[in-house]
């Protein structure tokens, strides 16, 4: 390391990030904020402040707030889909994976503020925004595609019914996830009924 670099680091008190590191830090901060307060209420200035850069730096990296949100949504979907796929590849059965994913306590954590589930639920409300419609649709289609592949793998295992249409089953599961906000608002005795919904879903998928 040169003496000039050392002096710069001592004077600024921080290590200069590479462009890739800066972009990643912006994505991380934006993910946390969008997942906590939603797209409409999150300001780019808040993202910049969390990273420790100026607001123009965020725009230099992503162009617009909607483009930043699209990048966040794409990365979040990639993360969740990869986790589901990797679990099956590591030997976890599809029925066990779906049971754990849909389990009521996991759904509470998954949909709480600050979580990726809250981010996905917020994205659903943005489907009418012209600049976000395609990205939101693509994210949900990708998520559904992963569920469809899980169903196909479960059929290959012999654990799920072979007469199921994997795509229809995937969108059924997606609907179950998105309707949780509605159930939280209006369904009495939610904790008990959520468990029954999961059981009914698994019984239908497995033919039990």
C-alpha atoms as a PDB file:
ATOM      1  CA  UNK A   1       0.000   0.000   0.000  1.00  0.00           C
ATOM      2  CA  UNK A   2       1.404   3.412  -0.981  1.00  0.00           C
ATOM      3  CA  UNK A   3       2.028   6.163   1.555  1.00  0.00           C
ATOM      4  CA  UNK A   4      -0.504   8.384  -0.192  1.00  0.00           C
ATOM      5  CA  UNK A   5      -3.203   5.693   0.159  1.00  0.00           C
ATOM      6  CA  UNK A   6      -2.363   5.271   3.828  1.00  0.00           C
ATOM      7  CA  UNK A   7      -2.622   9.030   4.390  1.00  0.00           C
ATOM      8  CA  UNK A   8      -5.966   9.120   2.557  1.00  0.00           C
ATOM      9  CA  UNK A   9      -7.371   6.309   4.677  1.00  0.00           C
ATOM     10  CA  UNK A  10      -6.123   7.921   7.895  1.00  0.00           C
ATOM     11  CA  UNK A  11      -7.596  11.283   6.947  1.00  0.00           C
ATOM     12  CA  UNK A  12     -11.009  10.003   5.881  1.00  0.00           C
ATOM     13  CA  UNK A  13     -11.377   7.278   8.504  1.00  0.00           C
ATOM     14  CA  UNK A  14     -12.939   4.899   5.996  1.00  0.00           C
ATOM     15  CA  UNK A  15     -11.788   2.435   3.364  1.00  0.00           C
ATOM     16  CA  UNK A  16     -12.697   3.395  -0.180  1.00  0.00           C
ATOM     17  CA  UNK A  17     -15.082   0.851  -1.719  1.00  0.00           C
ATOM     18  CA  UNK A  18     -14.720  -0.562  -5.189  1.00  0.00           C
ATOM     19  CA  UNK A  19     -17.618   0.145  -7.593  1.00  0.00           C
ATOM     20  CA  UNK A  20     -18.882  -3.413  -7.096  1.00  0.00           C
ATOM     21  CA  UNK A  21     -18.693  -3.107  -3.312  1.00  0.00           C
ATOM     22  CA  UNK A  22     -20.488   0.235  -3.379  1.00  0.00           C
ATOM     23  CA  UNK A  23     -23.258  -1.150  -5.567  1.00  0.00           C
ATOM     24  CA  UNK A  24     -23.644  -4.153  -3.260  1.00  0.00           C
ATOM     25  CA  UNK A  25     -23.766  -1.934  -0.170  1.00  0.00           C
ATOM     26  CA  UNK A  26     -26.493   0.187  -1.773  1.00  0.00           C
ATOM     27  CA  UNK A  27     -28.507  -2.936  -2.637  1.00  0.00           C
ATOM     28  CA  UNK A  28     -28.169  -4.247   0.909  1.00  0.00           C
ATOM     29  CA  UNK A  29     -29.280  -0.968   2.459  1.00  0.00           C
ATOM     30  CA  UNK A  30     -32.143  -0.573  -0.012  1.00  0.00           C
ATOM     31  CA  UNK A  31     -33.336  -4.136   0.663  1.00  0.00           C
ATOM     32  CA  UNK A  32     -33.447  -3.462   4.401  1.00  0.00           C
ATOM     33  CA  UNK A  33     -35.368  -0.209   3.968  1.00  0.00           C
ATOM     34  CA  UNK A  34     -37.803  -1.402   1.291  1.00  0.00           C
ATOM     35  CA  UNK A  35     -38.532  -4.487   3.406  1.00  0.00           C
ATOM     36  CA  UNK A  36     -39.171  -2.326   6.454  1.00  0.00           C
ATOM     37  CA  UNK A  37     -41.141   0.650   5.107  1.00  0.00           C
ATOM     38  CA  UNK A  38     -42.172  -0.363   1.577  1.00  0.00           C
ATOM     39  CA  UNK A  39     -41.449   1.184  -1.790  1.00  0.00           C
ATOM     40  CA  UNK A  40     -43.670   4.258  -1.524  1.00  0.00           C
ATOM     41  CA  UNK A  41     -42.419   5.397   1.892  1.00  0.00           C
ATOM     42  CA  UNK A  42     -38.723   4.687   1.353  1.00  0.00           C
ATOM     43  CA  UNK A  43     -36.663   7.663   0.196  1.00  0.00           C
ATOM     44  CA  UNK A  44     -33.474   7.345  -1.823  1.00  0.00           C
ATOM     45  CA  UNK A  45     -31.904   9.829   0.590  1.00  0.00           C
ATOM     46  CA  UNK A  46     -32.476   7.309   3.406  1.00  0.00           C
ATOM     47  CA  UNK A  47     -30.724   4.598   1.396  1.00  0.00           C
ATOM     48  CA  UNK A  48     -27.796   6.920   0.764  1.00  0.00           C
ATOM     49  CA  UNK A  49     -27.587   7.886   4.430  1.00  0.00           C
ATOM     50  CA  UNK A  50     -27.528   4.250   5.524  1.00  0.00           C
ATOM     51  CA  UNK A  51     -24.658   3.488   3.149  1.00  0.00           C
ATOM     52  CA  UNK A  52     -22.811   6.697   3.986  1.00  0.00           C
ATOM     53  CA  UNK A  53     -22.782   8.147   0.482  1.00  0.00           C
ATOM     54  CA  UNK A  54     -24.497  11.098  -1.157  1.00  0.00           C
ATOM     55  CA  UNK A  55     -27.874  10.689  -2.852  1.00  0.00           C
ATOM     56  CA  UNK A  56     -26.380  11.329  -6.339  1.00  0.00           C
ATOM     57  CA  UNK A  57     -24.108   8.303  -5.834  1.00  0.00           C
ATOM     58  CA  UNK A  58     -27.173   6.069  -5.544  1.00  0.00           C
ATOM     59  CA  UNK A  59     -28.619   7.526  -8.733  1.00  0.00           C
ATOM     60  CA  UNK A  60     -25.265   7.150 -10.511  1.00  0.00           C
ATOM     61  CA  UNK A  61     -25.348   3.443  -9.728  1.00  0.00           C
ATOM     62  CA  UNK A  62     -29.022   2.695 -10.428  1.00  0.00           C
ATOM     63  CA  UNK A  63     -30.484   5.618 -12.352  1.00  0.00           C
ATOM     64  CA  UNK A  64     -33.888   5.864 -10.667  1.00  0.00           C
ATOM     65  CA  UNK A  65     -35.645   4.764  -7.489  1.00  0.00           C
ATOM     66  CA  UNK A  66     -37.757   2.298  -9.483  1.00  0.00           C
ATOM     67  CA  UNK A  67     -34.641   0.774 -11.076  1.00  0.00           C
ATOM     68  CA  UNK A  68     -33.097   0.389  -7.618  1.00  0.00           C
ATOM     69  CA  UNK A  69     -36.271  -1.323  -6.391  1.00  0.00           C
ATOM     70  CA  UNK A  70     -36.275  -3.665  -9.374  1.00  0.00           C
ATOM     71  CA  UNK A  71     -32.669  -4.661  -8.620  1.00  0.00           C
ATOM     72  CA  UNK A  72     -33.580  -5.260  -4.972  1.00  0.00           C
ATOM     73  CA  UNK A  73     -36.618  -7.349  -5.918  1.00  0.00           C
ATOM     74  CA  UNK A  74     -34.654  -9.425  -8.424  1.00  0.00           C
ATOM     75  CA  UNK A  75     -31.924 -10.164  -5.881  1.00  0.00           C
ATOM     76  CA  UNK A  76     -34.460 -11.016  -3.156  1.00  0.00           C
ATOM     77  CA  UNK A  77     -36.319 -13.461  -5.396  1.00  0.00           C
ATOM     78  CA  UNK A  78     -33.020 -15.021  -6.479  1.00  0.00           C
ATOM     79  CA  UNK A  79     -32.059 -15.487  -2.827  1.00  0.00           C
ATOM     80  CA  UNK A  80     -35.306 -17.178  -1.778  1.00  0.00           C
ATOM     81  CA  UNK A  81     -35.516 -19.364  -4.887  1.00  0.00           C
ATOM     82  CA  UNK A  82     -31.896 -20.432  -4.468  1.00  0.00           C
ATOM     83  CA  UNK A  83     -32.470 -21.351  -0.816  1.00  0.00           C
ATOM     84  CA  UNK A  84     -35.451 -23.533  -1.719  1.00  0.00           C
ATOM     85  CA  UNK A  85     -33.636 -25.231  -4.597  1.00  0.00           C
ATOM     86  CA  UNK A  86     -30.445 -25.782  -2.597  1.00  0.00           C
ATOM     87  CA  UNK A  87     -32.403 -27.392   0.245  1.00  0.00           C
ATOM     88  CA  UNK A  88     -33.826 -30.020  -2.110  1.00  0.00           C
ATOM     89  CA  UNK A  89     -30.457 -30.565  -3.785  1.00  0.00           C
ATOM     90  CA  UNK A  90     -28.962 -31.128  -0.325  1.00  0.00           C
ATOM     91  CA  UNK A  91     -31.405 -33.996   0.247  1.00  0.00           C
ATOM     92  CA  UNK A  92     -34.358 -32.401   2.010  1.00  0.00           C
ATOM     93  CA  UNK A  93     -37.652 -33.876   0.843  1.00  0.00           C
ATOM     94  CA  UNK A  94     -40.068 -31.599  -0.984  1.00  0.00           C
ATOM     95  CA  UNK A  95     -42.904 -32.358   1.426  1.00  0.00           C
ATOM     96  CA  UNK A  96     -40.710 -31.517   4.417  1.00  0.00           C
ATOM     97  CA  UNK A  97     -39.522 -28.324   2.717  1.00  0.00           C
ATOM     98  CA  UNK A  98     -43.035 -27.151   1.850  1.00  0.00           C
ATOM     99  CA  UNK A  99     -44.319 -28.077   5.308  1.00  0.00           C
ATOM    100  CA  UNK A 100     -41.573 -26.011   6.941  1.00  0.00           C
ATOM    101  CA  UNK A 101     -41.985 -23.089   4.557  1.00  0.00           C
ATOM    102  CA  UNK A 102     -45.776 -22.901   5.006  1.00  0.00           C
ATOM    103  CA  UNK A 103     -45.695 -23.561   8.755  1.00  0.00           C
ATOM    104  CA  UNK A 104     -47.626 -20.713  10.455  1.00  0.00           C
ATOM    105  CA  UNK A 105     -44.791 -19.511  12.687  1.00  0.00           C
ATOM    106  CA  UNK A 106     -42.442 -19.370   9.707  1.00  0.00           C
ATOM    107  CA  UNK A 107     -45.050 -17.422   7.747  1.00  0.00           C
ATOM    108  CA  UNK A 108     -45.306 -14.895  10.591  1.00  0.00           C
ATOM    109  CA  UNK A 109     -41.546 -14.351  10.457  1.00  0.00           C
ATOM    110  CA  UNK A 110     -41.471 -14.376   6.661  1.00  0.00           C
ATOM    111  CA  UNK A 111     -44.151 -11.653   6.387  1.00  0.00           C
ATOM    112  CA  UNK A 112     -43.020  -9.440   9.262  1.00  0.00           C
ATOM    113  CA  UNK A 113     -41.598  -5.987   8.582  1.00  0.00           C
ATOM    114  CA  UNK A 114     -37.943  -6.148   7.628  1.00  0.00           C
ATOM    115  CA  UNK A 115     -38.313  -9.563   6.010  1.00  0.00           C
ATOM    116  CA  UNK A 116     -38.260 -10.610   2.378  1.00  0.00           C
ATOM    117  CA  UNK A 117     -41.858 -11.789   2.663  1.00  0.00           C
ATOM    118  CA  UNK A 118     -42.918  -8.233   3.512  1.00  0.00           C
ATOM    119  CA  UNK A 119     -40.948  -7.033   0.480  1.00  0.00           C
ATOM    120  CA  UNK A 120     -42.801  -9.499  -1.781  1.00  0.00           C
ATOM    121  CA  UNK A 121     -46.169  -8.546  -0.304  1.00  0.00           C
ATOM    122  CA  UNK A 122     -45.390  -4.877  -0.890  1.00  0.00           C
ATOM    123  CA  UNK A 123     -44.333  -5.661  -4.458  1.00  0.00           C
ATOM    124  CA  UNK A 124     -47.750  -7.189  -5.102  1.00  0.00           C
ATOM    125  CA  UNK A 125     -49.395  -3.850  -4.307  1.00  0.00           C
ATOM    126  CA  UNK A 126     -47.182  -2.135  -6.903  1.00  0.00           C
ATOM    127  CA  UNK A 127     -48.365  -4.150  -9.891  1.00  0.00           C
ATOM    128  CA  UNK A 128     -50.336  -1.104 -11.071  1.00  0.00           C
ATOM    129  CA  UNK A 129     -47.260   1.126 -11.194  1.00  0.00           C
ATOM    130  CA  UNK A 130     -46.269   1.439 -14.901  1.00  0.00           C
ATOM    131  CA  UNK A 131     -42.521   1.559 -14.190  1.00  0.00           C
ATOM    132  CA  UNK A 132     -42.682  -1.515 -11.928  1.00  0.00           C
ATOM    133  CA  UNK A 133     -45.419  -3.682 -13.445  1.00  0.00           C
ATOM    134  CA  UNK A 134     -43.140  -5.838 -15.617  1.00  0.00           C
ATOM    135  CA  UNK A 135     -40.530  -6.321 -12.890  1.00  0.00           C
ATOM    136  CA  UNK A 136     -43.133  -7.284 -10.298  1.00  0.00           C
ATOM    137  CA  UNK A 137     -44.757  -9.708 -12.724  1.00  0.00           C
ATOM    138  CA  UNK A 138     -41.414 -11.270 -13.624  1.00  0.00           C
ATOM    139  CA  UNK A 139     -40.496 -11.679  -9.950  1.00  0.00           C
ATOM    140  CA  UNK A 140     -43.719 -13.506  -9.161  1.00  0.00           C
ATOM    141  CA  UNK A 141     -43.434 -15.689 -12.249  1.00  0.00           C
ATOM    142  CA  UNK A 142     -39.909 -16.649 -11.228  1.00  0.00           C
ATOM    143  CA  UNK A 143     -41.063 -17.496  -7.710  1.00  0.00           C
ATOM    144  CA  UNK A 144     -43.936 -19.561  -9.121  1.00  0.00           C
ATOM    145  CA  UNK A 145     -41.496 -21.284 -11.479  1.00  0.00           C
ATOM    146  CA  UNK A 146     -39.415 -22.405  -8.515  1.00  0.00           C
ATOM    147  CA  UNK A 147     -42.504 -23.776  -6.767  1.00  0.00           C
ATOM    148  CA  UNK A 148     -43.440 -25.621  -9.978  1.00  0.00           C
ATOM    149  CA  UNK A 149     -39.988 -27.223 -10.092  1.00  0.00           C
ATOM    150  CA  UNK A 150     -40.359 -28.269  -6.457  1.00  0.00           C
ATOM    151  CA  UNK A 151     -43.690 -29.904  -7.292  1.00  0.00           C
ATOM    152  CA  UNK A 152     -42.103 -31.749 -10.226  1.00  0.00           C
ATOM    153  CA  UNK A 153     -39.293 -32.934  -7.971  1.00  0.00           C
ATOM    154  CA  UNK A 154     -41.852 -34.106  -5.415  1.00  0.00           C
ATOM    155  CA  UNK A 155     -43.621 -36.044  -8.160  1.00  0.00           C
ATOM    156  CA  UNK A 156     -40.336 -37.645  -9.194  1.00  0.00           C
ATOM    157  CA  UNK A 157     -39.775 -38.616  -5.560  1.00  0.00           C
ATOM    158  CA  UNK A 158     -43.223 -40.168  -5.490  1.00  0.00           C
ATOM    159  CA  UNK A 159     -44.196 -37.908  -2.594  1.00  0.00           C
ATOM    160  CA  UNK A 160     -46.628 -35.664  -4.486  1.00  0.00           C
ATOM    161  CA  UNK A 161     -49.575 -36.692  -6.626  1.00  0.00           C
ATOM    162  CA  UNK A 162     -48.617 -37.373 -10.235  1.00  0.00           C
ATOM    163  CA  UNK A 163     -51.935 -36.048 -11.543  1.00  0.00           C
ATOM    164  CA  UNK A 164     -51.174 -32.529 -10.313  1.00  0.00           C
ATOM    165  CA  UNK A 165     -50.374 -29.831 -12.845  1.00  0.00           C
ATOM    166  CA  UNK A 166     -47.127 -28.373 -11.405  1.00  0.00           C
ATOM    167  CA  UNK A 167     -47.839 -24.868 -12.699  1.00  0.00           C
ATOM    168  CA  UNK A 168     -51.377 -24.823 -11.272  1.00  0.00           C
ATOM    169  CA  UNK A 169     -50.062 -26.138  -7.946  1.00  0.00           C
ATOM    170  CA  UNK A 170     -47.351 -23.456  -7.939  1.00  0.00           C
ATOM    171  CA  UNK A 171     -49.826 -20.618  -8.415  1.00  0.00           C
ATOM    172  CA  UNK A 172     -52.077 -22.138  -5.772  1.00  0.00           C
ATOM    173  CA  UNK A 173     -49.166 -21.958  -3.345  1.00  0.00           C
ATOM    174  CA  UNK A 174     -48.419 -18.388  -4.439  1.00  0.00           C
ATOM    175  CA  UNK A 175     -52.058 -17.453  -3.831  1.00  0.00           C
ATOM    176  CA  UNK A 176     -51.915 -19.030  -0.383  1.00  0.00           C
ATOM    177  CA  UNK A 177     -48.897 -16.881   0.471  1.00  0.00           C
ATOM    178  CA  UNK A 178     -50.338 -13.617  -0.826  1.00  0.00           C
ATOM    179  CA  UNK A 179     -53.748 -14.141   0.756  1.00  0.00           C
ATOM    180  CA  UNK A 180     -52.149 -14.246   4.182  1.00  0.00           C
ATOM    181  CA  UNK A 181     -52.462 -10.459   4.534  1.00  0.00           C
ATOM    182  CA  UNK A 182     -56.202 -10.786   3.928  1.00  0.00           C
ATOM    183  CA  UNK A 183     -56.470 -13.645   6.429  1.00  0.00           C
ATOM    184  CA  UNK A 184     -54.521 -11.687   9.046  1.00  0.00           C
ATOM    185  CA  UNK A 185     -56.955  -8.801   8.717  1.00  0.00           C
ATOM    186  CA  UNK A 186     -60.223 -10.732   8.815  1.00  0.00           C
ATOM    187  CA  UNK A 187     -59.897 -14.404   9.774  1.00  0.00           C
ATOM    188  CA  UNK A 188     -60.847 -15.253  13.379  1.00  0.00           C
ATOM    189  CA  UNK A 189     -58.732 -17.733  15.339  1.00  0.00           C
ATOM    190  CA  UNK A 190     -56.034 -17.290  12.733  1.00  0.00           C
ATOM    191  CA  UNK A 191     -53.333 -19.356  14.412  1.00  0.00           C
ATOM    192  CA  UNK A 192     -55.469 -22.487  14.579  1.00  0.00           C
ATOM    193  CA  UNK A 193     -56.976 -22.046  11.132  1.00  0.00           C
ATOM    194  CA  UNK A 194     -53.600 -21.329   9.491  1.00  0.00           C
ATOM    195  CA  UNK A 195     -52.384 -24.711  10.692  1.00  0.00           C
ATOM    196  CA  UNK A 196     -55.443 -26.369   9.198  1.00  0.00           C
ATOM    197  CA  UNK A 197     -54.898 -24.583   5.886  1.00  0.00           C
ATOM    198  CA  UNK A 198     -51.343 -25.915   5.738  1.00  0.00           C
ATOM    199  CA  UNK A 199     -52.535 -29.432   6.557  1.00  0.00           C
ATOM    200  CA  UNK A 200     -55.245 -29.272   3.885  1.00  0.00           C
ATOM    201  CA  UNK A 201     -52.723 -28.010   1.344  1.00  0.00           C
ATOM    202  CA  UNK A 202     -50.245 -30.794   2.064  1.00  0.00           C
ATOM    203  CA  UNK A 203     -53.003 -33.422   2.069  1.00  0.00           C
ATOM    204  CA  UNK A 204     -54.129 -32.225  -1.353  1.00  0.00           C
ATOM    205  CA  UNK A 205     -50.605 -32.192  -2.759  1.00  0.00           C
ATOM    206  CA  UNK A 206     -49.735 -35.627  -1.426  1.00  0.00           C
ATOM    207  CA  UNK A 207     -53.120 -37.269  -1.883  1.00  0.00           C
ATOM    208  CA  UNK A 208     -53.227 -38.298   1.773  1.00  0.00           C
END
